[in-house]
């Protein structure tokens, strides 16, 4: 499925091709201008404005993606309690002590298995909330202890923690389906959008001459 960044990038590619062909048509085979200088400049300005219009849409698409991801990143830190009704919160509180005890004491492998079973069974929001909360605290604690010892989780422990983390995300989504975005996914999408903007600027500035004009200005400024 083509998204907005990809589709506008394709539009920019087509617009650049049209710009180059239009620009080439302003000259004779020997390189001289077909029209008077005033007409030539007017036609070139029109071509450039059309190119910039397409480029602006592509830039805005990347900006919209960045804004969306940043909003989702903020939502990731939202309080999940706000998504529970009074009765759901009361149920969660009633279960909290027992769930916390299991999350703290179960071996990592068994905890991962327990969480998979809870998620597969279609946990209600109260159940999903308490298990995601305390299982998340358990794996955070495991990582902190490993770091305090001068190392990091490895081998089976690391695999179990990653499995638990995946189930925590899955359960948290049952509490607040539209609440946030995984950190790795946010980083991937932000990187893609920013790289699209950078590539857009480089392609358009190289075509419309603004890059060369800037380099000429810099060479003049710093020449001795």
Protein backbone atom coordinates (compact mmCIF):
# COMPACT_ATOMS: atom_id res chain seq x y z
CA UNK A 1 0.00 0.00 0.00
CA UNK A 2 1.43 3.36 -1.04
CA UNK A 3 1.42 5.98 1.73
CA UNK A 4 1.46 9.76 1.40
CA UNK A 5 5.23 10.14 1.70
CA UNK A 6 5.81 7.55 -1.02
CA UNK A 7 3.12 8.93 -3.34
CA UNK A 8 4.30 12.54 -3.03
CA UNK A 9 7.89 11.39 -3.62
CA UNK A 10 6.73 9.80 -6.85
CA UNK A 11 4.98 13.07 -7.75
CA UNK A 12 8.23 14.96 -7.13
CA UNK A 13 10.10 12.55 -9.42
CA UNK A 14 7.56 13.20 -12.19
CA UNK A 15 7.66 16.95 -11.54
CA UNK A 16 11.46 17.00 -11.72
CA UNK A 17 11.39 15.18 -15.03
CA UNK A 18 8.81 17.64 -16.37
CA UNK A 19 10.88 20.57 -15.08
CA UNK A 20 14.05 19.33 -16.77
CA UNK A 21 12.26 18.74 -20.05
CA UNK A 22 10.61 22.16 -19.88
CA UNK A 23 13.89 23.83 -19.03
CA UNK A 24 15.68 22.06 -21.91
CA UNK A 25 12.96 23.26 -24.30
CA UNK A 26 13.93 26.86 -23.55
CA UNK A 27 17.22 26.42 -25.42
CA UNK A 28 18.23 25.72 -29.00
CA UNK A 29 20.49 22.76 -29.82
CA UNK A 30 23.52 25.10 -29.77
CA UNK A 31 22.72 26.13 -26.18
CA UNK A 32 21.43 29.64 -26.91
CA UNK A 33 18.07 30.85 -25.56
CA UNK A 34 15.06 30.46 -27.86
CA UNK A 35 13.36 33.52 -26.42
CA UNK A 36 14.26 36.98 -25.23
CA UNK A 37 15.85 37.17 -21.81
CA UNK A 38 12.62 38.53 -20.27
CA UNK A 39 10.48 35.76 -21.84
CA UNK A 40 13.05 33.13 -20.92
CA UNK A 41 13.10 34.23 -17.28
CA UNK A 42 9.30 34.35 -17.11
CA UNK A 43 8.96 30.83 -18.50
CA UNK A 44 11.68 29.54 -16.17
CA UNK A 45 9.94 31.12 -13.18
CA UNK A 46 6.69 29.39 -14.16
CA UNK A 47 8.44 26.02 -14.44
CA UNK A 48 10.15 26.55 -11.08
CA UNK A 49 6.93 27.56 -9.32
CA UNK A 50 5.20 24.41 -10.56
CA UNK A 51 8.07 22.28 -9.30
CA UNK A 52 8.07 24.04 -5.94
CA UNK A 53 4.31 23.52 -5.60
CA UNK A 54 4.74 19.75 -5.88
CA UNK A 55 7.77 19.87 -3.57
CA UNK A 56 5.79 21.77 -0.94
CA UNK A 57 3.11 19.07 -0.93
CA UNK A 58 5.80 16.42 -0.41
CA UNK A 59 7.38 18.48 2.37
CA UNK A 60 3.98 18.94 4.05
CA UNK A 61 3.31 15.18 3.84
CA UNK A 62 6.57 14.49 5.69
CA UNK A 63 5.79 17.23 8.23
CA UNK A 64 2.35 15.72 8.84
CA UNK A 65 3.93 12.30 9.44
CA UNK A 66 6.42 13.80 11.91
CA UNK A 67 3.62 15.60 13.78
CA UNK A 68 1.53 12.40 13.90
CA UNK A 69 4.40 10.31 15.28
CA UNK A 70 5.27 12.96 17.87
CA UNK A 71 1.64 13.05 19.01
CA UNK A 72 1.65 9.26 19.33
CA UNK A 73 4.92 9.40 21.26
CA UNK A 74 3.31 11.78 23.74
CA UNK A 75 0.29 9.49 24.00
CA UNK A 76 2.61 6.62 24.92
CA UNK A 77 3.21 8.38 28.23
CA UNK A 78 -0.50 8.93 28.86
CA UNK A 79 -1.92 7.48 32.09
CA UNK A 80 -3.71 4.22 31.17
CA UNK A 81 -5.89 4.58 34.26
CA UNK A 82 -7.73 7.34 32.41
CA UNK A 83 -9.00 4.67 30.01
CA UNK A 84 -10.65 2.59 32.75
CA UNK A 85 -14.16 3.07 34.06
CA UNK A 86 -14.76 3.27 37.81
CA UNK A 87 -15.85 -0.38 37.94
CA UNK A 88 -12.89 -1.51 35.81
CA UNK A 89 -10.51 0.37 38.10
CA UNK A 90 -12.09 -1.24 41.16
CA UNK A 91 -11.65 -4.68 39.57
CA UNK A 92 -8.04 -3.90 38.70
CA UNK A 93 -7.32 -2.80 42.27
CA UNK A 94 -8.86 -6.00 43.63
CA UNK A 95 -6.57 -8.11 41.45
CA UNK A 96 -3.45 -5.99 41.76
CA UNK A 97 -1.87 -7.68 44.81
CA UNK A 98 -2.08 -11.20 43.35
CA UNK A 99 -0.97 -10.16 39.87
CA UNK A 100 1.96 -8.16 41.22
CA UNK A 101 3.10 -11.13 43.27
CA UNK A 102 3.03 -13.43 40.25
CA UNK A 103 4.83 -10.90 38.08
CA UNK A 104 7.57 -10.50 40.66
CA UNK A 105 8.09 -14.19 41.45
CA UNK A 106 7.39 -16.21 38.30
CA UNK A 107 10.46 -17.22 36.28
CA UNK A 108 10.73 -15.14 33.12
CA UNK A 109 9.84 -18.04 30.85
CA UNK A 110 6.68 -18.83 32.86
CA UNK A 111 5.70 -15.16 33.00
CA UNK A 112 5.96 -14.87 29.21
CA UNK A 113 3.78 -17.98 28.84
CA UNK A 114 1.23 -16.67 31.33
CA UNK A 115 0.96 -13.35 29.51
CA UNK A 116 0.50 -15.03 26.14
CA UNK A 117 -2.33 -17.09 27.60
CA UNK A 118 -4.02 -14.04 29.12
CA UNK A 119 -3.84 -12.09 25.86
CA UNK A 120 -5.03 -15.07 23.80
CA UNK A 121 -8.00 -15.57 26.10
CA UNK A 122 -9.24 -12.06 25.33
CA UNK A 123 -8.51 -10.35 28.62
CA UNK A 124 -10.87 -7.63 29.84
CA UNK A 125 -9.46 -4.13 30.31
CA UNK A 126 -8.97 -4.50 34.08
CA UNK A 127 -7.01 -7.73 33.65
CA UNK A 128 -4.99 -6.34 30.75
CA UNK A 129 -4.17 -3.23 32.79
CA UNK A 130 -2.82 -4.97 35.90
CA UNK A 131 -0.83 -7.60 34.00
CA UNK A 132 0.72 -5.12 31.57
CA UNK A 133 1.55 -2.76 34.45
CA UNK A 134 3.29 -5.25 36.73
CA UNK A 135 4.88 -7.34 34.00
CA UNK A 136 6.29 -4.11 32.57
CA UNK A 137 7.71 -3.22 36.00
CA UNK A 138 9.28 -6.70 36.23
CA UNK A 139 11.19 -6.46 32.95
CA UNK A 140 12.25 -2.89 33.70
CA UNK A 141 13.63 -4.14 36.99
CA UNK A 142 15.47 -7.00 35.28
CA UNK A 143 17.14 -4.57 32.89
CA UNK A 144 18.09 -2.19 35.71
CA UNK A 145 19.65 -4.96 37.77
CA UNK A 146 21.68 -6.16 34.79
CA UNK A 147 22.88 -2.62 34.11
CA UNK A 148 23.77 -2.08 37.77
CA UNK A 149 25.96 -5.17 37.57
CA UNK A 150 27.85 -3.67 34.68
CA UNK A 151 26.29 -5.80 31.99
CA UNK A 152 23.09 -6.40 30.10
CA UNK A 153 20.57 -9.15 29.67
CA UNK A 154 21.77 -11.95 27.44
CA UNK A 155 20.84 -15.39 26.19
CA UNK A 156 17.57 -16.88 27.37
CA UNK A 157 16.87 -14.04 29.81
CA UNK A 158 17.01 -11.50 27.02
CA UNK A 159 14.74 -13.60 24.81
CA UNK A 160 12.22 -14.04 27.62
CA UNK A 161 12.25 -10.32 28.44
CA UNK A 162 11.63 -9.42 24.80
CA UNK A 163 8.75 -11.92 24.69
CA UNK A 164 7.28 -10.40 27.84
CA UNK A 165 7.70 -6.89 26.43
CA UNK A 166 5.76 -7.87 23.30
CA UNK A 167 2.91 -9.22 25.41
CA UNK A 168 2.94 -6.12 27.62
CA UNK A 169 2.47 -3.95 24.53
CA UNK A 170 -0.29 -6.27 23.33
CA UNK A 171 -2.14 -6.10 26.65
CA UNK A 172 -1.66 -2.35 26.97
CA UNK A 173 -3.30 -1.95 23.58
CA UNK A 174 -6.40 -3.66 24.97
CA UNK A 175 -6.63 -0.91 27.58
CA UNK A 176 -6.02 1.98 25.19
CA UNK A 177 -6.05 0.83 21.54
CA UNK A 178 -4.95 4.20 20.14
CA UNK A 179 -2.64 5.05 22.99
CA UNK A 180 0.86 5.62 21.72
CA UNK A 181 3.33 3.87 19.48
CA UNK A 182 6.27 1.53 20.19
CA UNK A 183 9.55 3.44 20.50
CA UNK A 184 11.26 1.50 17.70
CA UNK A 185 8.34 2.16 15.34
CA UNK A 186 8.40 5.87 16.22
CA UNK A 187 12.13 6.07 15.49
CA UNK A 188 11.69 4.26 12.16
CA UNK A 189 8.88 6.53 11.00
CA UNK A 190 10.59 9.74 12.11
CA UNK A 191 13.82 8.72 10.39
CA UNK A 192 11.97 7.92 7.17
CA UNK A 193 10.08 11.24 7.16
CA UNK A 194 13.20 13.31 7.89
CA UNK A 195 15.23 11.48 5.27
CA UNK A 196 12.43 12.12 2.78
CA UNK A 197 12.60 15.85 3.55
CA UNK A 198 16.38 15.92 3.21
CA UNK A 199 16.31 14.04 -0.09
CA UNK A 200 13.54 16.32 -1.34
CA UNK A 201 15.56 19.44 -0.58
CA UNK A 202 18.67 18.06 -2.26
CA UNK A 203 16.83 16.95 -5.41
CA UNK A 204 14.86 20.15 -5.87
CA UNK A 205 17.69 22.54 -5.03
CA UNK A 206 19.98 20.71 -7.46
CA UNK A 207 17.37 21.02 -10.21
CA UNK A 208 16.27 24.62 -9.74
CA UNK A 209 19.80 25.97 -9.34
CA UNK A 210 19.43 27.14 -5.75
CA UNK A 211 22.13 24.72 -4.59
CA UNK A 212 24.61 26.02 -7.17
CA UNK A 213 23.65 29.62 -6.39
CA UNK A 214 24.36 29.01 -2.71
CA UNK A 215 27.73 27.42 -3.48
CA UNK A 216 28.67 30.35 -5.73
CA UNK A 217 27.72 32.79 -2.99
CA UNK A 218 29.77 30.87 -0.42
CA UNK A 219 32.79 30.69 -2.72
CA UNK A 220 32.60 34.44 -3.27
CA UNK A 221 32.22 35.16 0.42
CA UNK A 222 35.14 33.01 1.58
CA UNK A 223 37.54 33.55 -1.32
CA UNK A 224 40.75 35.45 -0.65
